[in-house]
All heavy atoms as atom14 arrays in JSON, in Angstrom:
{
  "sequence": "IVEEKNTKYLGLTESEMLNFFWAQAKKTDQVITFN",
  "atom14_mask": [
    [1, 1, 1, 1, 1, 1, 1, 1, 0, 0, 0, 0, 0, 0],
    [1, 1, 1, 1, 1, 1, 1, 0, 0, 0, 0, 0, 0, 0],
    [1, 1, 1, 1, 1, 1, 1, 1, 1, 0, 0, 0, 0, 0],
    [1, 1, 1, 1, 1, 1, 1, 1, 1, 0, 0, 0, 0, 0],
    [1, 1, 1, 1, 1, 1, 1, 1, 1, 0, 0, 0, 0, 0],
    [1, 1, 1, 1, 1, 1, 1, 1, 0, 0, 0, 0, 0, 0],
    [1, 1, 1, 1, 1, 1, 1, 0, 0, 0, 0, 0, 0, 0],
    [1, 1, 1, 1, 1, 1, 1, 1, 1, 0, 0, 0, 0, 0],
    [1, 1, 1, 1, 1, 1, 1, 1, 1, 1, 1, 1, 0, 0],
    [1, 1, 1, 1, 1, 1, 1, 1, 0, 0, 0, 0, 0, 0],
    [1, 1, 1, 1, 0, 0, 0, 0, 0, 0, 0, 0, 0, 0],
    [1, 1, 1, 1, 1, 1, 1, 1, 0, 0, 0, 0, 0, 0],
    [1, 1, 1, 1, 1, 1, 1, 0, 0, 0, 0, 0, 0, 0],
    [1, 1, 1, 1, 1, 1, 1, 1, 1, 0, 0, 0, 0, 0],
    [1, 1, 1, 1, 1, 1, 0, 0, 0, 0, 0, 0, 0, 0],
    [1, 1, 1, 1, 1, 1, 1, 1, 1, 0, 0, 0, 0, 0],
    [1, 1, 1, 1, 1, 1, 1, 1, 0, 0, 0, 0, 0, 0],
    [1, 1, 1, 1, 1, 1, 1, 1, 0, 0, 0, 0, 0, 0],
    [1, 1, 1, 1, 1, 1, 1, 1, 0, 0, 0, 0, 0, 0],
    [1, 1, 1, 1, 1, 1, 1, 1, 1, 1, 1, 0, 0, 0],
    [1, 1, 1, 1, 1, 1, 1, 1, 1, 1, 1, 0, 0, 0],
    [1, 1, 1, 1, 1, 1, 1, 1, 1, 1, 1, 1, 1, 1],
    [1, 1, 1, 1, 1, 0, 0, 0, 0, 0, 0, 0, 0, 0],
    [1, 1, 1, 1, 1, 1, 1, 1, 1, 0, 0, 0, 0, 0],
    [1, 1, 1, 1, 1, 0, 0, 0, 0, 0, 0, 0, 0, 0],
    [1, 1, 1, 1, 1, 1, 1, 1, 1, 0, 0, 0, 0, 0],
    [1, 1, 1, 1, 1, 1, 1, 1, 1, 0, 0, 0, 0, 0],
    [1, 1, 1, 1, 1, 1, 1, 0, 0, 0, 0, 0, 0, 0],
    [1, 1, 1, 1, 1, 1, 1, 1, 0, 0, 0, 0, 0, 0],
    [1, 1, 1, 1, 1, 1, 1, 1, 1, 0, 0, 0, 0, 0],
    [1, 1, 1, 1, 1, 1, 1, 0, 0, 0, 0, 0, 0, 0],
    [1, 1, 1, 1, 1, 1, 1, 1, 0, 0, 0, 0, 0, 0],
    [1, 1, 1, 1, 1, 1, 1, 0, 0, 0, 0, 0, 0, 0],
    [1, 1, 1, 1, 1, 1, 1, 1, 1, 1, 1, 0, 0, 0],
    [1, 1, 1, 1, 1, 1, 1, 1, 0, 0, 0, 0, 0, 0]
  ],
  "atom14_positions": [
    [[-43.12, -94.06, 66.24], [-43.79, -92.73, 66.31], [-43.16, -91.82, 67.51], [-42.91, -92.36, 68.56], [-45.33, -92.78, 66.48], [-45.9, -93.46, 65.3], [-45.91, -91.49, 66.67], [-47.33, -93.89, 65.4], [0.0, 0.0, 0.0], [0.0, 0.0, 0.0], [0.0, 0.0, 0.0], [0.0, 0.0, 0.0], [0.0, 0.0, 0.0], [0.0, 0.0, 0.0]],
    [[-42.87, -90.64, 67.22], [-42.47, -89.68, 68.21], [-43.61, -88.73, 68.39], [-43.69, -87.75, 67.7], [-41.15, -88.98, 67.9], [-40.77, -88.01, 69.03], [-39.98, -89.99, 67.76], [0.0, 0.0, 0.0], [0.0, 0.0, 0.0], [0.0, 0.0, 0.0], [0.0, 0.0, 0.0], [0.0, 0.0, 0.0], [0.0, 0.0, 0.0], [0.0, 0.0, 0.0]],
    [[-44.57, -88.98, 69.27], [-45.77, -88.17, 69.46], [-45.57, -86.64, 69.71], [-46.22, -85.8, 69.18], [-46.63, -88.76, 70.55], [-47.16, -90.08, 70.14], [-48.18, -90.68, 71.09], [-48.47, -89.97, 72.11], [-48.71, -91.79, 70.92], [0.0, 0.0, 0.0], [0.0, 0.0, 0.0], [0.0, 0.0, 0.0], [0.0, 0.0, 0.0], [0.0, 0.0, 0.0]],
    [[-44.54, -86.33, 70.57], [-44.3, -84.96, 70.99], [-43.74, -84.1, 69.73], [-43.81, -82.91, 69.73], [-43.4, -84.88, 72.17], [-41.89, -85.37, 71.89], [-41.79, -86.91, 72.24], [-42.88, -87.62, 72.19], [-40.74, -87.27, 72.49], [0.0, 0.0, 0.0], [0.0, 0.0, 0.0], [0.0, 0.0, 0.0], [0.0, 0.0, 0.0], [0.0, 0.0, 0.0]],
    [[-43.22, -84.76, 68.74], [-42.73, -84.09, 67.57], [-43.66, -84.25, 66.42], [-43.5, -83.8, 65.33], [-41.43, -84.75, 67.18], [-40.2, -84.55, 68.1], [-39.76, -83.21, 68.02], [-38.41, -83.02, 68.86], [-37.85, -81.62, 68.82], [0.0, 0.0, 0.0], [0.0, 0.0, 0.0], [0.0, 0.0, 0.0], [0.0, 0.0, 0.0], [0.0, 0.0, 0.0]],
    [[-44.82, -85.01, 66.68], [-45.88, -85.24, 65.62], [-45.22, -85.84, 64.32], [-45.57, -85.48, 63.19], [-46.52, -83.83, 65.09], [-47.9, -84.04, 64.56], [-48.52, -85.11, 64.64], [-48.38, -82.99, 63.85], [0.0, 0.0, 0.0], [0.0, 0.0, 0.0], [0.0, 0.0, 0.0], [0.0, 0.0, 0.0], [0.0, 0.0, 0.0], [0.0, 0.0, 0.0]],
    [[-44.39, -86.85, 64.59], [-43.59, -87.51, 63.57], [-43.6, -88.94, 63.6], [-43.58, -89.64, 64.67], [-42.09, -86.91, 63.73], [-42.01, -85.62, 63.66], [-41.21, -87.64, 62.61], [0.0, 0.0, 0.0], [0.0, 0.0, 0.0], [0.0, 0.0, 0.0], [0.0, 0.0, 0.0], [0.0, 0.0, 0.0], [0.0, 0.0, 0.0], [0.0, 0.0, 0.0]],
    [[-43.96, -89.48, 62.45], [-44.03, -90.91, 62.22], [-42.74, -91.42, 61.46], [-42.42, -90.74, 60.35], [-45.24, -91.44, 61.58], [-45.43, -92.87, 61.35], [-46.72, -93.24, 60.77], [-46.86, -94.8, 60.4], [-48.08, -95.07, 59.86], [0.0, 0.0, 0.0], [0.0, 0.0, 0.0], [0.0, 0.0, 0.0], [0.0, 0.0, 0.0], [0.0, 0.0, 0.0]],
    [[-42.16, -92.43, 61.71], [-41.0, -92.96, 60.95], [-41.35, -94.42, 60.46], [-41.85, -95.23, 61.15], [-39.77, -93.14, 61.83], [-39.26, -91.74, 62.37], [-39.79, -91.24, 63.6], [-38.34, -91.02, 61.72], [-39.39, -90.05, 63.97], [-37.82, -89.86, 62.08], [-38.36, -89.37, 63.35], [-37.88, -88.07, 63.81], [0.0, 0.0, 0.0], [0.0, 0.0, 0.0]],
    [[-41.17, -94.6, 59.19], [-41.57, -95.84, 58.41], [-40.34, -96.44, 57.72], [-39.91, -95.71, 56.88], [-42.82, -95.65, 57.58], [-43.4, -96.75, 56.84], [-43.98, -97.83, 57.78], [-44.54, -96.26, 55.94], [0.0, 0.0, 0.0], [0.0, 0.0, 0.0], [0.0, 0.0, 0.0], [0.0, 0.0, 0.0], [0.0, 0.0, 0.0], [0.0, 0.0, 0.0]],
    [[-40.0, -97.71, 58.08], [-38.9, -98.33, 57.33], [-39.39, -99.08, 56.21], [-40.36, -99.94, 56.32], [0.0, 0.0, 0.0], [0.0, 0.0, 0.0], [0.0, 0.0, 0.0], [0.0, 0.0, 0.0], [0.0, 0.0, 0.0], [0.0, 0.0, 0.0], [0.0, 0.0, 0.0], [0.0, 0.0, 0.0], [0.0, 0.0, 0.0], [0.0, 0.0, 0.0]],
    [[-38.79, -98.82, 55.01], [-39.17, -99.48, 53.71], [-37.94, -99.71, 52.91], [-36.87, -99.16, 53.13], [-40.21, -98.68, 52.94], [-41.48, -98.26, 53.59], [-42.18, -97.13, 52.79], [-42.36, -99.46, 53.77], [0.0, 0.0, 0.0], [0.0, 0.0, 0.0], [0.0, 0.0, 0.0], [0.0, 0.0, 0.0], [0.0, 0.0, 0.0], [0.0, 0.0, 0.0]],
    [[-38.1, -100.46, 51.78], [-36.84, -100.53, 50.89], [-36.84, -99.27, 49.97], [-37.97, -98.43, 50.05], [-37.21, -101.72, 49.92], [-38.36, -101.61, 49.14], [-37.29, -103.05, 50.76], [0.0, 0.0, 0.0], [0.0, 0.0, 0.0], [0.0, 0.0, 0.0], [0.0, 0.0, 0.0], [0.0, 0.0, 0.0], [0.0, 0.0, 0.0], [0.0, 0.0, 0.0]],
    [[-35.86, -99.05, 49.28], [-35.74, -97.92, 48.43], [-36.89, -97.8, 47.49], [-37.53, -96.6, 47.42], [-34.44, -97.74, 47.69], [-34.32, -96.52, 46.92], [-33.12, -96.41, 45.98], [-32.72, -97.53, 45.45], [-32.62, -95.29, 45.69], [0.0, 0.0, 0.0], [0.0, 0.0, 0.0], [0.0, 0.0, 0.0], [0.0, 0.0, 0.0], [0.0, 0.0, 0.0]],
    [[-37.16, -98.86, 46.8], [-38.38, -98.82, 45.75], [-39.66, -98.64, 46.43], [-40.53, -97.81, 45.95], [-38.37, -100.14, 45.02], [-38.59, -101.24, 45.84], [0.0, 0.0, 0.0], [0.0, 0.0, 0.0], [0.0, 0.0, 0.0], [0.0, 0.0, 0.0], [0.0, 0.0, 0.0], [0.0, 0.0, 0.0], [0.0, 0.0, 0.0], [0.0, 0.0, 0.0]],
    [[-39.87, -99.17, 47.6], [-41.07, -98.86, 48.32], [-41.22, -97.42, 48.8], [-42.24, -96.76, 48.78], [-41.17, -99.74, 49.55], [-41.43, -101.17, 49.25], [-41.38, -102.11, 50.46], [-40.65, -101.76, 51.47], [-41.92, -103.24, 50.43], [0.0, 0.0, 0.0], [0.0, 0.0, 0.0], [0.0, 0.0, 0.0], [0.0, 0.0, 0.0], [0.0, 0.0, 0.0]],
    [[-40.15, -96.84, 49.17], [-40.0, -95.38, 49.58], [-40.35, -94.53, 48.42], [-41.22, -93.57, 48.51], [-38.71, -95.03, 50.11], [-38.38, -95.46, 51.51], [-36.89, -94.62, 52.17], [-35.61, -95.58, 51.31], [0.0, 0.0, 0.0], [0.0, 0.0, 0.0], [0.0, 0.0, 0.0], [0.0, 0.0, 0.0], [0.0, 0.0, 0.0], [0.0, 0.0, 0.0]],
    [[-39.81, -94.81, 47.28], [-40.05, -94.0, 46.07], [-41.56, -94.16, 45.6], [-42.13, -93.11, 45.24], [-39.18, -94.52, 44.92], [-37.63, -94.09, 45.21], [-36.75, -94.91, 44.18], [-37.34, -92.65, 45.15], [0.0, 0.0, 0.0], [0.0, 0.0, 0.0], [0.0, 0.0, 0.0], [0.0, 0.0, 0.0], [0.0, 0.0, 0.0], [0.0, 0.0, 0.0]],
    [[-42.04, -95.35, 45.65], [-43.55, -95.52, 45.32], [-44.38, -94.73, 46.2], [-45.33, -94.07, 45.79], [-43.87, -96.99, 45.31], [-43.53, -97.68, 43.9], [-43.95, -97.13, 42.89], [-42.96, -98.83, 44.06], [0.0, 0.0, 0.0], [0.0, 0.0, 0.0], [0.0, 0.0, 0.0], [0.0, 0.0, 0.0], [0.0, 0.0, 0.0], [0.0, 0.0, 0.0]],
    [[-44.06, -94.78, 47.5], [-44.87, -94.06, 48.48], [-44.78, -92.58, 48.22], [-45.83, -91.79, 48.3], [-44.31, -94.46, 49.87], [-45.27, -93.99, 51.07], [-45.87, -95.01, 51.82], [-45.39, -92.7, 51.39], [-46.68, -94.66, 52.69], [-46.24, -92.34, 52.4], [-46.9, -93.22, 53.06], [0.0, 0.0, 0.0], [0.0, 0.0, 0.0], [0.0, 0.0, 0.0]],
    [[-43.59, -92.04, 47.98], [-43.37, -90.61, 47.81], [-44.18, -90.18, 46.59], [-44.93, -89.14, 46.67], [-41.9, -90.28, 47.6], [-41.79, -88.85, 47.06], [-41.83, -87.76, 48.02], [-41.42, -88.56, 45.7], [-41.78, -86.52, 47.63], [-41.32, -87.21, 45.38], [-41.48, -86.24, 46.32], [0.0, 0.0, 0.0], [0.0, 0.0, 0.0], [0.0, 0.0, 0.0]],
    [[-44.16, -90.88, 45.48], [-44.93, -90.41, 44.3], [-46.44, -90.58, 44.37], [-47.26, -89.73, 43.81], [-44.34, -91.15, 43.05], [-43.01, -90.9, 42.65], [-41.92, -91.68, 42.64], [-42.45, -89.54, 42.33], [-40.67, -91.03, 42.31], [-41.03, -89.73, 42.1], [-43.03, -88.25, 42.16], [-40.28, -88.6, 41.75], [-42.24, -87.21, 41.76], [-40.84, -87.39, 41.66]],
    [[-46.74, -91.48, 45.3], [-48.25, -91.59, 45.6], [-48.65, -90.27, 46.29], [-49.83, -89.79, 46.02], [-48.65, -92.81, 46.44], [0.0, 0.0, 0.0], [0.0, 0.0, 0.0], [0.0, 0.0, 0.0], [0.0, 0.0, 0.0], [0.0, 0.0, 0.0], [0.0, 0.0, 0.0], [0.0, 0.0, 0.0], [0.0, 0.0, 0.0], [0.0, 0.0, 0.0]],
    [[-47.81, -89.67, 47.25], [-48.21, -88.6, 47.9], [-48.0, -87.4, 47.08], [-48.82, -86.35, 47.23], [-47.25, -88.4, 49.16], [-47.43, -89.41, 50.22], [-48.73, -89.41, 50.9], [-49.31, -88.31, 51.27], [-49.42, -90.61, 50.8], [0.0, 0.0, 0.0], [0.0, 0.0, 0.0], [0.0, 0.0, 0.0], [0.0, 0.0, 0.0], [0.0, 0.0, 0.0]],
    [[-47.1, -87.4, 46.11], [-46.79, -86.28, 45.22], [-48.09, -86.03, 44.38], [-48.45, -84.8, 43.98], [-45.69, -86.57, 44.3], [0.0, 0.0, 0.0], [0.0, 0.0, 0.0], [0.0, 0.0, 0.0], [0.0, 0.0, 0.0], [0.0, 0.0, 0.0], [0.0, 0.0, 0.0], [0.0, 0.0, 0.0], [0.0, 0.0, 0.0], [0.0, 0.0, 0.0]],
    [[-48.83, -87.02, 44.02], [-50.15, -86.79, 43.22], [-51.12, -86.04, 43.94], [-51.86, -85.26, 43.34], [-50.65, -88.06, 42.78], [-49.93, -88.98, 41.75], [-50.76, -90.13, 41.19], [-51.07, -91.16, 42.23], [-51.87, -92.31, 41.62], [0.0, 0.0, 0.0], [0.0, 0.0, 0.0], [0.0, 0.0, 0.0], [0.0, 0.0, 0.0], [0.0, 0.0, 0.0]],
    [[-51.18, -86.07, 45.2], [-52.05, -85.29, 46.07], [-51.55, -83.97, 46.58], [-52.27, -83.18, 47.27], [-52.49, -86.2, 47.24], [-53.04, -87.51, 46.84], [-53.51, -88.34, 48.12], [-52.23, -89.0, 48.84], [-52.66, -89.9, 49.94], [0.0, 0.0, 0.0], [0.0, 0.0, 0.0], [0.0, 0.0, 0.0], [0.0, 0.0, 0.0], [0.0, 0.0, 0.0]],
    [[-50.39, -83.56, 46.12], [-49.73, -82.47, 46.68], [-49.92, -81.25, 45.65], [-49.61, -81.36, 44.51], [-48.1, -82.73, 46.9], [-47.97, -83.78, 47.75], [-47.52, -81.46, 47.41], [0.0, 0.0, 0.0], [0.0, 0.0, 0.0], [0.0, 0.0, 0.0], [0.0, 0.0, 0.0], [0.0, 0.0, 0.0], [0.0, 0.0, 0.0], [0.0, 0.0, 0.0]],
    [[-50.23, -80.09, 46.28], [-50.39, -78.82, 45.52], [-49.03, -78.28, 45.2], [-48.77, -77.61, 44.17], [-51.32, -77.88, 46.2], [-52.72, -78.33, 46.37], [-53.26, -78.98, 45.48], [-53.17, -78.29, 47.49], [0.0, 0.0, 0.0], [0.0, 0.0, 0.0], [0.0, 0.0, 0.0], [0.0, 0.0, 0.0], [0.0, 0.0, 0.0], [0.0, 0.0, 0.0]],
    [[-48.18, -78.26, 46.19], [-46.88, -77.62, 46.14], [-45.87, -78.29, 47.07], [-46.16, -78.68, 48.16], [-47.13, -76.07, 46.59], [-45.96, -75.17, 46.38], [-46.33, -73.74, 46.95], [-46.48, -73.65, 48.13], [-46.5, -72.86, 45.88], [0.0, 0.0, 0.0], [0.0, 0.0, 0.0], [0.0, 0.0, 0.0], [0.0, 0.0, 0.0], [0.0, 0.0, 0.0]],
    [[-44.62, -78.45, 46.63], [-43.5, -78.94, 47.4], [-42.62, -77.72, 47.84], [-42.39, -76.86, 46.89], [-42.76, -79.99, 46.86], [-43.69, -81.22, 46.57], [-42.17, -79.66, 45.47], [0.0, 0.0, 0.0], [0.0, 0.0, 0.0], [0.0, 0.0, 0.0], [0.0, 0.0, 0.0], [0.0, 0.0, 0.0], [0.0, 0.0, 0.0], [0.0, 0.0, 0.0]],
    [[-42.05, -77.77, 48.97], [-41.06, -76.78, 49.39], [-39.8, -77.48, 49.67], [-39.85, -78.51, 50.4], [-41.55, -75.91, 50.55], [-42.88, -75.22, 50.16], [-40.53, -75.03, 51.17], [-44.07, -75.53, 50.97], [0.0, 0.0, 0.0], [0.0, 0.0, 0.0], [0.0, 0.0, 0.0], [0.0, 0.0, 0.0], [0.0, 0.0, 0.0], [0.0, 0.0, 0.0]],
    [[-38.71, -77.02, 49.07], [-37.43, -77.65, 49.4], [-36.38, -76.59, 49.76], [-36.58, -75.45, 49.55], [-36.99, -78.44, 48.06], [-36.66, -77.47, 47.04], [-37.97, -79.45, 47.64], [0.0, 0.0, 0.0], [0.0, 0.0, 0.0], [0.0, 0.0, 0.0], [0.0, 0.0, 0.0], [0.0, 0.0, 0.0], [0.0, 0.0, 0.0], [0.0, 0.0, 0.0]],
    [[-35.2, -77.07, 50.02], [-33.92, -76.29, 50.14], [-32.96, -76.88, 49.25], [-32.39, -77.94, 49.47], [-33.45, -76.13, 51.58], [-32.18, -75.25, 51.79], [-32.42, -73.98, 52.03], [-30.99, -75.76, 51.6], [-31.36, -73.0, 52.05], [-29.88, -74.87, 51.74], [-30.15, -73.48, 52.02], [0.0, 0.0, 0.0], [0.0, 0.0, 0.0], [0.0, 0.0, 0.0]],
    [[-32.8, -76.27, 48.08], [-31.85, -76.73, 47.07], [-32.45, -78.02, 46.32], [-31.7, -78.77, 45.76], [-30.42, -77.09, 47.54], [-29.4, -77.22, 46.41], [-29.52, -76.48, 45.4], [-28.42, -78.07, 46.52], [0.0, 0.0, 0.0], [0.0, 0.0, 0.0], [0.0, 0.0, 0.0], [0.0, 0.0, 0.0], [0.0, 0.0, 0.0], [0.0, 0.0, 0.0]]
  ]
}
């Protein structure tokens, strides 16, 4: 964790990252991207 940046870093395998992301996506009203 980098507290001054309000940022947490979590190491996972690719499949674990993807599962985690889609779990968050279900709770998301809107995503913002660049390209």
